[in-house]
Amino acid sequence: MPELRRAGAADVPALLDVFFRALEDLDEQLGRAHQAPDPRPLEEHFRHLISTDPATSIVADDDGRPVAFGIALRRGTHGFLSFLFVRPGWQGHGLGRA
């Protein structure tokens, strides 16, 4: 099982890779055409979420390579799971549950 740790700003490029690989895999499974990724707006969003809620941004690392991540928003007593993405090949191994 990969190691779980808090995400930091340096992880953002790897999180974007996990995100877009998971979407490409979903497109293939559904027989949809791939959409060209535009990481710029998402990169800014990830950086904002990680900096404002660092305790709720988690990465699953396999020997230093992020294979999954989750980012939640916490505002007062309310929480919202904003992102939960797992790299193809690691899906179905309990990372989302962890």
N, C-alpha and C. Protein backbone atom coordinates (compact mmCIF):
# COMPACT_ATOMS: atom_id res chain seq x y z
N MET A 1 0.85 -1.18 0.00
CA MET A 1 0.00 0.00 0.00
C MET A 1 0.90 1.24 0.00
N PRO A 2 0.62 2.19 -0.86
CA PRO A 2 1.40 3.43 -0.89
C PRO A 2 1.27 4.20 0.43
N GLU A 3 2.27 5.01 0.68
CA GLU A 3 2.29 5.86 1.87
C GLU A 3 1.37 7.06 1.67
N LEU A 4 0.57 7.38 2.67
CA LEU A 4 -0.29 8.56 2.63
C LEU A 4 0.41 9.70 3.35
N ARG A 5 0.37 10.89 2.76
CA ARG A 5 0.98 12.07 3.36
C ARG A 5 0.23 13.31 2.90
N ARG A 6 0.50 14.42 3.55
CA ARG A 6 -0.11 15.68 3.14
C ARG A 6 0.53 16.18 1.86
N ALA A 7 -0.30 16.77 1.01
CA ALA A 7 0.19 17.34 -0.24
C ALA A 7 0.78 18.71 0.02
N GLY A 8 1.74 19.07 -0.80
CA GLY A 8 2.32 20.40 -0.75
C GLY A 8 2.33 21.00 -2.14
N ALA A 9 2.72 22.25 -2.23
CA ALA A 9 2.74 22.96 -3.52
C ALA A 9 3.63 22.24 -4.54
N ALA A 10 4.70 21.62 -4.09
CA ALA A 10 5.60 20.92 -5.01
C ALA A 10 4.94 19.70 -5.66
N ASP A 11 3.85 19.22 -5.08
CA ASP A 11 3.14 18.04 -5.62
C ASP A 11 2.19 18.38 -6.76
N VAL A 12 1.89 19.65 -6.95
CA VAL A 12 0.85 20.03 -7.91
C VAL A 12 1.06 19.46 -9.30
N PRO A 13 2.27 19.52 -9.91
CA PRO A 13 2.42 18.92 -11.24
C PRO A 13 2.08 17.42 -11.27
N ALA A 14 2.46 16.69 -10.24
CA ALA A 14 2.15 15.25 -10.20
C ALA A 14 0.65 15.02 -9.99
N LEU A 15 0.00 15.89 -9.20
CA LEU A 15 -1.45 15.75 -9.00
C LEU A 15 -2.19 15.99 -10.31
N LEU A 16 -1.73 16.97 -11.07
CA LEU A 16 -2.34 17.23 -12.38
C LEU A 16 -2.19 16.01 -13.29
N ASP A 17 -1.03 15.37 -13.24
CA ASP A 17 -0.81 14.18 -14.07
C ASP A 17 -1.77 13.06 -13.67
N VAL A 18 -1.92 12.83 -12.37
CA VAL A 18 -2.86 11.80 -11.91
C VAL A 18 -4.28 12.15 -12.38
N PHE A 19 -4.67 13.40 -12.21
CA PHE A 19 -6.00 13.86 -12.60
C PHE A 19 -6.27 13.59 -14.08
N PHE A 20 -5.37 14.05 -14.95
CA PHE A 20 -5.60 13.91 -16.39
C PHE A 20 -5.47 12.47 -16.86
N ARG A 21 -4.60 11.67 -16.26
CA ARG A 21 -4.51 10.24 -16.62
C ARG A 21 -5.80 9.52 -16.24
N ALA A 22 -6.36 9.84 -15.09
CA ALA A 22 -7.62 9.21 -14.67
C ALA A 22 -8.76 9.60 -15.60
N LEU A 23 -8.80 10.86 -16.02
CA LEU A 23 -9.85 11.29 -16.95
C LEU A 23 -9.70 10.63 -18.32
N GLU A 24 -8.47 10.51 -18.80
CA GLU A 24 -8.23 9.83 -20.08
C GLU A 24 -8.70 8.38 -20.00
N ASP A 25 -8.41 7.72 -18.89
CA ASP A 25 -8.83 6.34 -18.71
C ASP A 25 -10.36 6.23 -18.70
N LEU A 26 -11.02 7.16 -18.03
CA LEU A 26 -12.48 7.16 -18.00
C LEU A 26 -13.04 7.39 -19.41
N ASP A 27 -12.45 8.32 -20.15
CA ASP A 27 -12.90 8.55 -21.53
C ASP A 27 -12.79 7.27 -22.35
N GLU A 28 -11.67 6.55 -22.20
CA GLU A 28 -11.49 5.29 -22.94
C GLU A 28 -12.56 4.28 -22.56
N GLN A 29 -12.81 4.15 -21.26
CA GLN A 29 -13.81 3.18 -20.80
C GLN A 29 -15.20 3.49 -21.33
N LEU A 30 -15.51 4.78 -21.47
CA LEU A 30 -16.83 5.20 -21.94
C LEU A 30 -16.90 5.40 -23.45
N GLY A 31 -15.77 5.18 -24.13
CA GLY A 31 -15.75 5.34 -25.58
C GLY A 31 -15.86 6.78 -26.04
N ARG A 32 -15.44 7.71 -25.18
CA ARG A 32 -15.50 9.13 -25.53
C ARG A 32 -14.16 9.58 -26.09
N ALA A 33 -14.21 10.62 -26.89
CA ALA A 33 -12.98 11.21 -27.41
C ALA A 33 -12.26 11.91 -26.26
N HIS A 34 -10.93 11.86 -26.32
CA HIS A 34 -10.13 12.56 -25.30
C HIS A 34 -10.26 14.06 -25.49
N GLN A 35 -10.35 14.75 -24.38
CA GLN A 35 -10.36 16.21 -24.42
C GLN A 35 -8.95 16.69 -24.15
N ALA A 36 -8.54 17.72 -24.87
CA ALA A 36 -7.20 18.28 -24.65
C ALA A 36 -7.13 18.89 -23.26
N PRO A 37 -6.18 18.46 -22.44
CA PRO A 37 -6.10 19.01 -21.09
C PRO A 37 -5.58 20.44 -21.08
N ASP A 38 -6.15 21.25 -20.21
CA ASP A 38 -5.67 22.60 -19.97
C ASP A 38 -5.39 22.69 -18.47
N PRO A 39 -4.15 22.43 -18.05
CA PRO A 39 -3.87 22.35 -16.62
C PRO A 39 -3.81 23.70 -15.90
N ARG A 40 -3.74 24.80 -16.62
CA ARG A 40 -3.52 26.10 -15.97
C ARG A 40 -4.58 26.46 -14.92
N PRO A 41 -5.88 26.44 -15.24
CA PRO A 41 -6.85 26.82 -14.21
C PRO A 41 -6.88 25.84 -13.03
N LEU A 42 -6.71 24.56 -13.35
CA LEU A 42 -6.73 23.55 -12.31
C LEU A 42 -5.49 23.66 -11.42
N GLU A 43 -4.37 23.98 -12.01
CA GLU A 43 -3.14 24.17 -11.23
C GLU A 43 -3.33 25.28 -10.19
N GLU A 44 -3.89 26.38 -10.61
CA GLU A 44 -4.15 27.49 -9.69
C GLU A 44 -5.11 27.07 -8.59
N HIS A 45 -6.13 26.32 -8.95
CA HIS A 45 -7.12 25.85 -7.99
C HIS A 45 -6.48 24.90 -6.97
N PHE A 46 -5.68 23.94 -7.45
CA PHE A 46 -5.00 23.01 -6.54
C PHE A 46 -4.10 23.77 -5.58
N ARG A 47 -3.33 24.71 -6.09
CA ARG A 47 -2.43 25.48 -5.23
C ARG A 47 -3.21 26.23 -4.15
N HIS A 48 -4.33 26.80 -4.54
CA HIS A 48 -5.16 27.52 -3.57
C HIS A 48 -5.69 26.57 -2.49
N LEU A 49 -6.25 25.44 -2.90
CA LEU A 49 -6.81 24.51 -1.93
C LEU A 49 -5.75 23.96 -0.99
N ILE A 50 -4.59 23.63 -1.54
CA ILE A 50 -3.50 23.08 -0.71
C ILE A 50 -3.01 24.12 0.28
N SER A 51 -2.95 25.37 -0.14
CA SER A 51 -2.44 26.40 0.76
C SER A 51 -3.47 26.81 1.82
N THR A 52 -4.76 26.76 1.51
CA THR A 52 -5.77 27.18 2.48
C THR A 52 -6.23 26.06 3.40
N ASP A 53 -6.16 24.81 2.94
CA ASP A 53 -6.55 23.65 3.75
C ASP A 53 -5.47 22.57 3.67
N PRO A 54 -4.26 22.84 4.14
CA PRO A 54 -3.18 21.86 3.96
C PRO A 54 -3.45 20.52 4.64
N ALA A 55 -4.19 20.51 5.73
CA ALA A 55 -4.45 19.26 6.44
C ALA A 55 -5.41 18.34 5.70
N THR A 56 -6.15 18.88 4.73
CA THR A 56 -7.15 18.06 4.03
C THR A 56 -6.74 17.75 2.59
N SER A 57 -5.48 17.92 2.28
CA SER A 57 -4.95 17.59 0.95
C SER A 57 -3.97 16.43 1.12
N ILE A 58 -4.37 15.25 0.65
CA ILE A 58 -3.63 14.02 0.89
C ILE A 58 -3.16 13.40 -0.42
N VAL A 59 -1.92 12.89 -0.41
CA VAL A 59 -1.33 12.22 -1.56
C VAL A 59 -0.98 10.79 -1.15
N ALA A 60 -1.20 9.84 -2.06
CA ALA A 60 -0.73 8.47 -1.86
C ALA A 60 0.51 8.30 -2.74
N ASP A 61 1.64 8.04 -2.11
CA ASP A 61 2.93 7.89 -2.81
C ASP A 61 3.35 6.44 -2.88
N ASP A 62 3.79 6.03 -4.04
CA ASP A 62 4.41 4.72 -4.23
C ASP A 62 5.87 4.98 -4.56
N ASP A 63 6.74 4.84 -3.59
CA ASP A 63 8.17 5.11 -3.75
C ASP A 63 8.44 6.49 -4.33
N GLY A 64 7.76 7.51 -3.79
CA GLY A 64 7.97 8.89 -4.22
C GLY A 64 7.18 9.32 -5.44
N ARG A 65 6.37 8.44 -5.98
CA ARG A 65 5.55 8.76 -7.16
C ARG A 65 4.09 8.84 -6.75
N PRO A 66 3.47 10.02 -6.80
CA PRO A 66 2.05 10.11 -6.46
C PRO A 66 1.18 9.26 -7.39
N VAL A 67 0.35 8.42 -6.78
CA VAL A 67 -0.54 7.56 -7.55
C VAL A 67 -2.01 7.86 -7.28
N ALA A 68 -2.27 8.70 -6.27
CA ALA A 68 -3.64 9.09 -5.95
C ALA A 68 -3.60 10.34 -5.08
N PHE A 69 -4.72 11.06 -5.07
CA PHE A 69 -4.81 12.21 -4.18
C PHE A 69 -6.26 12.53 -3.87
N GLY A 70 -6.44 13.17 -2.76
CA GLY A 70 -7.74 13.67 -2.36
C GLY A 70 -7.58 15.06 -1.78
N ILE A 71 -8.50 15.93 -2.11
CA ILE A 71 -8.48 17.29 -1.58
C ILE A 71 -9.90 17.59 -1.09
N ALA A 72 -9.99 17.99 0.15
CA ALA A 72 -11.28 18.36 0.73
C ALA A 72 -11.25 19.83 1.14
N LEU A 73 -12.41 20.43 1.14
CA LEU A 73 -12.57 21.78 1.64
C LEU A 73 -13.19 21.68 3.02
N ARG A 74 -12.67 22.44 3.94
CA ARG A 74 -13.26 22.47 5.28
C ARG A 74 -13.51 23.93 5.62
N ARG A 75 -14.74 24.24 5.90
CA ARG A 75 -15.13 25.59 6.29
C ARG A 75 -15.97 25.49 7.54
N GLY A 76 -15.39 25.85 8.67
CA GLY A 76 -16.09 25.72 9.94
C GLY A 76 -16.38 24.26 10.24
N THR A 77 -17.64 23.94 10.45
CA THR A 77 -18.02 22.57 10.76
C THR A 77 -18.44 21.77 9.53
N HIS A 78 -18.30 22.36 8.36
CA HIS A 78 -18.70 21.69 7.13
C HIS A 78 -17.48 21.26 6.32
N GLY A 79 -17.62 20.13 5.64
CA GLY A 79 -16.57 19.64 4.77
C GLY A 79 -17.14 19.16 3.46
N PHE A 80 -16.30 19.20 2.43
CA PHE A 80 -16.72 18.81 1.08
C PHE A 80 -15.53 18.16 0.39
N LEU A 81 -15.70 16.93 -0.06
CA LEU A 81 -14.65 16.26 -0.82
C LEU A 81 -14.63 16.87 -2.21
N SER A 82 -13.59 17.59 -2.51
CA SER A 82 -13.51 18.34 -3.76
C SER A 82 -12.91 17.50 -4.88
N PHE A 83 -11.87 16.73 -4.58
CA PHE A 83 -11.20 15.89 -5.58
C PHE A 83 -10.80 14.57 -4.96
N LEU A 84 -10.97 13.49 -5.71
CA LEU A 84 -10.46 12.18 -5.34
C LEU A 84 -10.16 11.46 -6.64
N PHE A 85 -8.88 11.37 -6.97
CA PHE A 85 -8.46 10.77 -8.23
C PHE A 85 -7.36 9.76 -7.99
N VAL A 86 -7.43 8.65 -8.73
CA VAL A 86 -6.48 7.56 -8.60
C VAL A 86 -5.96 7.22 -9.99
N ARG A 87 -4.65 7.09 -10.08
CA ARG A 87 -4.02 6.75 -11.36
C ARG A 87 -4.52 5.38 -11.83
N PRO A 88 -4.83 5.24 -13.13
CA PRO A 88 -5.21 3.92 -13.65
C PRO A 88 -4.12 2.91 -13.28
N GLY A 89 -4.53 1.72 -13.00
CA GLY A 89 -3.60 0.69 -12.54
C GLY A 89 -3.59 0.59 -11.02
N TRP A 90 -3.90 1.68 -10.36
CA TRP A 90 -4.00 1.68 -8.91
C TRP A 90 -5.46 1.71 -8.46
N GLN A 91 -6.36 1.92 -9.39
CA GLN A 91 -7.79 1.95 -9.03
C GLN A 91 -8.24 0.57 -8.57
N GLY A 92 -9.13 0.55 -7.60
CA GLY A 92 -9.63 -0.70 -7.07
C GLY A 92 -8.75 -1.34 -6.01
N HIS A 93 -7.74 -0.60 -5.52
CA HIS A 93 -6.83 -1.14 -4.50
C HIS A 93 -7.07 -0.51 -3.13
N GLY A 94 -8.18 0.20 -2.94
CA GLY A 94 -8.52 0.74 -1.63
C GLY A 94 -7.93 2.10 -1.30
N LEU A 95 -7.32 2.77 -2.28
CA LEU A 95 -6.72 4.07 -2.00
C LEU A 95 -7.75 5.13 -1.69
N GLY A 96 -8.87 5.13 -2.38
CA GLY A 96 -9.92 6.10 -2.10
C GLY A 96 -10.48 5.92 -0.70
N ARG A 97 -10.63 4.70 -0.29
CA ARG A 97 -11.13 4.41 1.05
C ARG A 97 -10.10 4.85 2.10
N ALA A 98 -8.83 4.64 1.80
CA ALA A 98 -7.77 5.03 2.75
C ALA A 98 -7.72 6.54 2.89
